PDB file of N, CA and C in Angstrom:
ATOM      1  N   MET A   1      44.809  35.448  31.563  1.00  0.00           N
ATOM      2  CA  MET A   1      44.338  35.000  30.644  1.00  0.00           C
ATOM      3  C   MET A   1      44.336  36.119  29.532  1.00  0.00           C
ATOM      4  N   SER A   2      44.046  35.063  28.286  1.00  0.00           N
ATOM      5  CA  SER A   2      45.164  35.153  26.795  1.00  0.00           C
ATOM      6  C   SER A   2      43.586  36.608  26.406  1.00  0.00           C
ATOM      7  N   MET A   3      44.075  37.573  25.496  1.00  0.00           N
ATOM      8  CA  MET A   3      43.586  38.727  25.053  1.00  0.00           C
ATOM      9  C   MET A   3      42.319  38.126  24.260  1.00  0.00           C
ATOM     10  N   GLU A   4      42.250  37.430  23.943  1.00  0.00           N
ATOM     11  CA  GLU A   4      40.564  37.503  23.338  1.00  0.00           C
ATOM     12  C   GLU A   4      39.731  37.789  24.366  1.00  0.00           C
ATOM     13  N   ASN A   5      40.537  36.483  25.820  1.00  0.00           N
ATOM     14  CA  ASN A   5      39.066  36.337  27.227  1.00  0.00           C
ATOM     15  C   ASN A   5      39.239  37.799  27.556  1.00  0.00           C
ATOM     16  N   TRP A   6      40.127  39.091  27.470  1.00  0.00           N
ATOM     17  CA  TRP A   6      40.640  40.010  28.727  1.00  0.00           C
ATOM     18  C   TRP A   6      39.322  40.405  26.971  1.00  0.00           C
ATOM     19  N   ILE A   7      39.007  40.429  25.945  1.00  0.00           N
ATOM     20  CA  ILE A   7      38.074  41.352  26.228  1.00  0.00           C
ATOM     21  C   ILE A   7      36.902  41.491  25.108  1.00  0.00           C
ATOM     22  N   ARG A   8      36.799  40.070  25.078  1.00  0.00           N
ATOM     23  CA  ARG A   8      35.660  38.581  25.492  1.00  0.00           C
ATOM     24  C   ARG A   8      34.555  39.354  26.842  1.00  0.00           C
ATOM     25  N   THR A   9      35.285  40.063  28.297  1.00  0.00           N
ATOM     26  CA  THR A   9      34.887  40.226  29.113  1.00  0.00           C
ATOM     27  C   THR A   9      35.085  41.389  29.594  1.00  0.00           C
ATOM     28  N   MET A  10      35.785  42.173  28.604  1.00  0.00           N
ATOM     29  CA  MET A  10      35.392  44.221  28.747  1.00  0.00           C
ATOM     30  C   MET A  10      34.213  44.392  27.933  1.00  0.00           C
ATOM     31  N   ALA A  11      33.290  43.135  26.435  1.00  0.00           N
ATOM     32  CA  ALA A  11      32.260  43.823  26.604  1.00  0.00           C
ATOM     33  C   ALA A  11      31.240  43.883  27.028  1.00  0.00           C
ATOM     34  N   GLY A  12      31.148  42.356  27.251  1.00  0.00           N
ATOM     35  CA  GLY A  12      30.418  41.508  27.693  1.00  0.00           C
ATOM     36  C   GLY A  12      29.852  42.697  28.924  1.00  0.00           C
ATOM     37  N   SER A  13      30.995  42.548  29.831  1.00  0.00           N
ATOM     38  CA  SER A  13      30.524  43.555  31.237  1.00  0.00           C
ATOM     39  C   SER A  13      30.239  44.812  30.314  1.00  0.00           C
ATOM     40  N   PHE A  14      30.608  44.838  29.666  1.00  0.00           N
ATOM     41  CA  PHE A  14      30.098  46.480  29.225  1.00  0.00           C
ATOM     42  C   PHE A  14      28.403  46.559  28.535  1.00  0.00           C
ATOM     43  N   VAL A  15      28.138  45.532  27.822  1.00  0.00           N
ATOM     44  CA  VAL A  15      26.856  45.359  27.832  1.00  0.00           C
ATOM     45  C   VAL A  15      26.335  45.142  28.727  1.00  0.00           C
ATOM     46  N   LEU A  16      26.332  44.459  29.879  1.00  0.00           N
ATOM     47  CA  LEU A  16      25.961  44.101  30.770  1.00  0.00           C
ATOM     48  C   LEU A  16      25.505  45.559  31.888  1.00  0.00           C
ATOM     49  N   ILE A  17      27.052  46.069  31.596  1.00  0.00           N
ATOM     50  CA  ILE A  17      26.297  47.091  32.766  1.00  0.00           C
ATOM     51  C   ILE A  17      25.370  48.455  32.282  1.00  0.00           C
ATOM     52  N   SER A  18      26.119  48.592  30.994  1.00  0.00           N
ATOM     53  CA  SER A  18      25.260  49.215  29.978  1.00  0.00           C
ATOM     54  C   SER A  18      23.727  49.547  30.095  1.00  0.00           C
ATOM     55  N   THR A  19      23.377  48.048  29.853  1.00  0.00           N
ATOM     56  CA  THR A  19      22.060  47.604  30.603  1.00  0.00           C
ATOM     57  C   THR A  19      21.455  47.724  31.027  1.00  0.00           C
ATOM     58  N   GLY A  20      21.940  47.805  32.761  1.00  0.00           N
ATOM     59  CA  GLY A  20      21.497  48.354  33.332  1.00  0.00           C
ATOM     60  C   GLY A  20      21.478  49.528  34.286  1.00  0.00           C
ATOM     61  N   LEU A  21      21.690  50.780  33.443  1.00  0.00           N
ATOM     62  CA  LEU A  21      22.304  51.981  33.420  1.00  0.00           C
ATOM     63  C   LEU A  21      21.416  52.295  32.878  1.00  0.00           C
ATOM     64  N   GLY A  22      20.769  51.415  31.543  1.00  0.00           N
ATOM     65  CA  GLY A  22      19.745  51.980  31.020  1.00  0.00           C
ATOM     66  C   GLY A  22      18.737  51.969  30.901  1.00  0.00           C
ATOM     67  N   TYR A  23      18.696  50.588  31.703  1.00  0.00           N
ATOM     68  CA  TYR A  23      17.263  50.127  31.826  1.00  0.00           C
ATOM     69  C   TYR A  23      16.648  51.328  34.261  1.00  0.00           C
ATOM     70  N   PHE A  24      18.009  51.230  34.602  1.00  0.00           N
ATOM     71  CA  PHE A  24      17.266  51.890  36.151  1.00  0.00           C
ATOM     72  C   PHE A  24      17.798  53.507  36.109  1.00  0.00           C
ATOM     73  N   HIS A  25      18.162  53.891  35.181  1.00  0.00           N
ATOM     74  CA  HIS A  25      19.011  55.277  35.132  1.00  0.00           C
ATOM     75  C   HIS A  25      18.003  56.252  34.121  1.00  0.00           C
ATOM     76  N   HIS A  26      19.002  55.593  33.147  1.00  0.00           N
ATOM     77  CA  HIS A  26      18.365  56.867  32.094  1.00  0.00           C
ATOM     78  C   HIS A  26      18.831  56.399  30.419  1.00  0.00           C
ATOM     79  N   LYS A  27      17.341  55.964  29.720  1.00  0.00           N
ATOM     80  CA  LYS A  27      17.449  55.404  28.822  1.00  0.00           C
ATOM     81  C   LYS A  27      18.484  55.037  27.037  1.00  0.00           C
ATOM     82  N   TYR A  28      19.294  56.646  27.516  1.00  0.00           N
ATOM     83  CA  TYR A  28      20.334  57.325  26.590  1.00  0.00           C
ATOM     84  C   TYR A  28      21.218  56.120  27.301  1.00  0.00           C
ATOM     85  N   TRP A  29      21.538  55.572  27.730  1.00  0.00           N
ATOM     86  CA  TRP A  29      22.844  54.911  28.392  1.00  0.00           C
ATOM     87  C   TRP A  29      22.697  53.300  27.326  1.00  0.00           C
ATOM     88  N   LEU A  30      22.388  53.053  26.999  1.00  0.00           N
ATOM     89  CA  LEU A  30      21.466  52.095  25.597  1.00  0.00           C
ATOM     90  C   LEU A  30      22.134  52.564  24.585  1.00  0.00           C
ATOM     91  N   PHE A  31      22.819  53.619  23.938  1.00  0.00           N
ATOM     92  CA  PHE A  31      23.291  54.152  23.224  1.00  0.00           C
ATOM     93  C   PHE A  31      25.050  53.292  23.515  1.00  0.00           C
ATOM     94  N   PHE A  32      25.228  53.642  24.049  1.00  0.00           N
ATOM     95  CA  PHE A  32      26.586  52.868  24.360  1.00  0.00           C
ATOM     96  C   PHE A  32      26.207  51.378  24.475  1.00  0.00           C
ATOM     97  N   THR A  33      25.482  50.616  25.237  1.00  0.00           N
ATOM     98  CA  THR A  33      24.828  49.212  24.598  1.00  0.00           C
ATOM     99  C   THR A  33      25.272  49.081  22.995  1.00  0.00           C
ATOM    100  N   ALA A  34      24.501  49.264  21.946  1.00  0.00           N
ATOM    101  CA  ALA A  34      25.162  49.357  20.942  1.00  0.00           C
ATOM    102  C   ALA A  34      26.366  49.602  20.025  1.00  0.00           C
ATOM    103  N   PHE A  35      26.723  51.059  21.030  1.00  0.00           N
ATOM    104  CA  PHE A  35      27.823  51.354  20.445  1.00  0.00           C
ATOM    105  C   PHE A  35      29.280  50.376  20.166  1.00  0.00           C
ATOM    106  N   VAL A  36      28.757  49.656  22.248  1.00  0.00           N
ATOM    107  CA  VAL A  36      29.918  47.920  21.490  1.00  0.00           C
ATOM    108  C   VAL A  36      29.416  47.010  20.949  1.00  0.00           C
ATOM    109  N   GLY A  37      28.452  46.952  20.867  1.00  0.00           N
ATOM    110  CA  GLY A  37      28.040  45.636  19.709  1.00  0.00           C
ATOM    111  C   GLY A  37      28.447  46.513  18.317  1.00  0.00           C
ATOM    112  N   LEU A  38      28.255  47.551  17.661  1.00  0.00           N
ATOM    113  CA  LEU A  38      28.228  48.018  16.665  1.00  0.00           C
ATOM    114  C   LEU A  38      30.266  48.007  16.776  1.00  0.00           C
ATOM    115  N   ASN A  39      31.072  48.015  17.327  1.00  0.00           N
ATOM    116  CA  ASN A  39      32.445  48.153  17.235  1.00  0.00           C
ATOM    117  C   ASN A  39      33.009  45.763  17.038  1.00  0.00           C
ATOM    118  N   LEU A  40      32.209  45.725  17.771  1.00  0.00           N
ATOM    119  CA  LEU A  40      31.956  44.101  18.014  1.00  0.00           C
ATOM    120  C   LEU A  40      31.903  43.670  16.092  1.00  0.00           C
ATOM    121  N   LEU A  41      30.598  43.829  16.269  1.00  0.00           N
ATOM    122  CA  LEU A  41      30.743  43.833  14.696  1.00  0.00           C
ATOM    123  C   LEU A  41      32.507  44.183  13.568  1.00  0.00           C
ATOM    124  N   GLN A  42      32.040  45.364  13.763  1.00  0.00           N
ATOM    125  CA  GLN A  42      32.860  45.476  12.410  1.00  0.00           C
ATOM    126  C   GLN A  42      34.738  45.116  12.558  1.00  0.00           C
ATOM    127  N   SER A  43      34.320  44.884  13.937  1.00  0.00           N
ATOM    128  CA  SER A  43      36.498  43.818  14.414  1.00  0.00           C
ATOM    129  C   SER A  43      36.324  42.602  13.148  1.00  0.00           C
ATOM    130  N   ALA A  44      35.349  41.606  13.587  1.00  0.00           N
ATOM    131  CA  ALA A  44      34.779  41.090  12.778  1.00  0.00           C
ATOM    132  C   ALA A  44      35.350  41.240  11.504  1.00  0.00           C
ATOM    133  N   PHE A  45      35.184  42.054  10.294  1.00  0.00           N
ATOM    134  CA  PHE A  45      35.109  42.699   9.362  1.00  0.00           C
ATOM    135  C   PHE A  45      36.524  43.111   9.119  1.00  0.00           C
ATOM    136  N   THR A  46      37.605  43.952   9.957  1.00  0.00           N
ATOM    137  CA  THR A  46      37.262  44.868   9.198  1.00  0.00           C
ATOM    138  C   THR A  46      38.951  44.418  10.448  1.00  0.00           C
ATOM    139  N   LYS A  47      38.960  43.634  11.459  1.00  0.00           N
ATOM    140  CA  LYS A  47      40.039  42.910  12.512  1.00  0.00           C
ATOM    141  C   LYS A  47      41.116  43.945  13.321  1.00  0.00           C
ATOM    142  N   PHE A  48      40.183  45.462  13.142  1.00  0.00           N
ATOM    143  CA  PHE A  48      40.759  46.129  13.877  1.00  0.00           C
ATOM    144  C   PHE A  48      39.612  46.803  14.918  1.00  0.00           C
ATOM    145  N   CYS A  49      40.326  46.833  16.743  1.00  0.00           N
ATOM    146  CA  CYS A  49      39.597  46.525  17.451  1.00  0.00           C
ATOM    147  C   CYS A  49      40.444  47.658  18.527  1.00  0.00           C
ATOM    148  N   LEU A  50      40.019  48.451  18.797  1.00  0.00           N
ATOM    149  CA  LEU A  50      40.603  49.832  19.474  1.00  0.00           C
ATOM    150  C   LEU A  50      40.895  49.190  20.808  1.00  0.00           C
ATOM    151  N   MET A  51      39.229  47.891  21.410  1.00  0.00           N
ATOM    152  CA  MET A  51      39.971  47.121  23.019  1.00  0.00           C
ATOM    153  C   MET A  51      41.590  46.870  23.069  1.00  0.00           C
ATOM    154  N   GLU A  52      41.311  46.165  21.974  1.00  0.00           N
ATOM    155  CA  GLU A  52      42.704  45.295  21.645  1.00  0.00           C
ATOM    156  C   GLU A  52      44.097  46.630  20.778  1.00  0.00           C
ATOM    157  N   ASN A  53      44.584  46.825  21.250  1.00  0.00           N
ATOM    158  CA  ASN A  53      45.199  48.674  21.317  1.00  0.00           C
ATOM    159  C   ASN A  53      45.200  48.884  22.046  1.00  0.00           C
ATOM    160  N   ILE A  54      44.129  48.774  22.974  1.00  0.00           N
ATOM    161  CA  ILE A  54      44.378  49.640  24.661  1.00  0.00           C
ATOM    162  C   ILE A  54      44.690  48.092  25.376  1.00  0.00           C
ATOM    163  N   LEU A  55      44.506  47.378  25.780  1.00  0.00           N
ATOM    164  CA  LEU A  55      45.009  45.773  25.891  1.00  0.00           C
ATOM    165  C   LEU A  55      46.583  45.559  26.104  1.00  0.00           C
ATOM    166  N   GLU A  56      46.698  45.796  24.563  1.00  0.00           N
ATOM    167  CA  GLU A  56      48.244  45.975  24.138  1.00  0.00           C
ATOM    168  C   GLU A  56      49.528  47.301  25.141  1.00  0.00           C
ATOM    169  N   LYS A  57      49.148  48.327  24.612  1.00  0.00           N
ATOM    170  CA  LYS A  57      49.485  49.761  25.539  1.00  0.00           C
ATOM    171  C   LYS A  57      49.440  48.978  27.295  1.00  0.00           C
ATOM    172  N   LEU A  58      48.629  48.233  27.623  1.00  0.00           N
ATOM    173  CA  LEU A  58      48.719  48.147  29.173  1.00  0.00           C
ATOM    174  C   LEU A  58      49.632  46.346  29.502  1.00  0.00           C
ATOM    175  N   GLY A  59      50.137  45.775  28.375  1.00  0.00           N
ATOM    176  CA  GLY A  59      50.813  45.152  28.620  1.00  0.00           C
ATOM    177  C   GLY A  59      50.461  43.308  28.713  1.00  0.00           C
ATOM    178  N   ILE A  60      49.105  43.458  27.890  1.00  0.00           N
ATOM    179  CA  ILE A  60      48.168  41.851  28.395  1.00  0.00           C
ATOM    180  C   ILE A  60      49.420  41.809  27.084  1.00  0.00           C
ATOM    181  N   ALA A  61      49.236  39.989  26.557  1.00  0.00           N
ATOM    182  CA  ALA A  61      50.044  39.483  25.745  1.00  0.00           C
ATOM    183  C   ALA A  61      48.709  38.908  25.304  1.00  0.00           C
ATOM    184  N   LYS A  62      49.089  39.256  23.715  1.00  0.00           N
ATOM    185  CA  LYS A  62      48.556  38.061  23.046  1.00  0.00           C
ATOM    186  C   LYS A  62      47.906  37.116  22.629  1.00  0.00           C
ATOM    187  N   ARG A  63      48.680  36.275  23.215  1.00  0.00           N
ATOM    188  CA  ARG A  63      48.666  34.638  22.907  1.00  0.00           C
ATOM    189  C   ARG A  63      49.395  34.491  23.863  1.00  0.00           C
ATOM    190  N   THR A  64      48.445  33.151  24.606  1.00  0.00           N
ATOM    191  CA  THR A  64      49.149  32.558  25.631  1.00  0.00           C
ATOM    192  C   THR A  64      49.032  31.169  25.698  1.00  0.00           C
ATOM    193  N   ASP A  65      49.843  30.238  25.118  1.00  0.00           N
ATOM    194  CA  ASP A  65      50.658  29.000  25.002  1.00  0.00           C
ATOM    195  C   ASP A  65      50.100  28.384  26.303  1.00  0.00           C
ATOM    196  N   THR A  66      49.315  27.026  26.616  1.00  0.00           N
ATOM    197  CA  THR A  66      48.471  26.169  26.729  1.00  0.00           C
ATOM    198  C   THR A  66      49.125  24.977  26.472  1.00  0.00           C
TER     199      THR A  66
END
């Protein structure tokens, strides 16, 4: 999987999990959902993504040629 696919998978998972926790456990979990959304928004403008840096350190390749 490419770096972009990993980032989309992680962001989608974080949103779904935190929305579920916000609904079933405590509403403050929705702040995490908002954090993920704001991070995605700022990365569109600044080209900086913390998850990309984390995945890079874990050895995930930026691009895969298919």
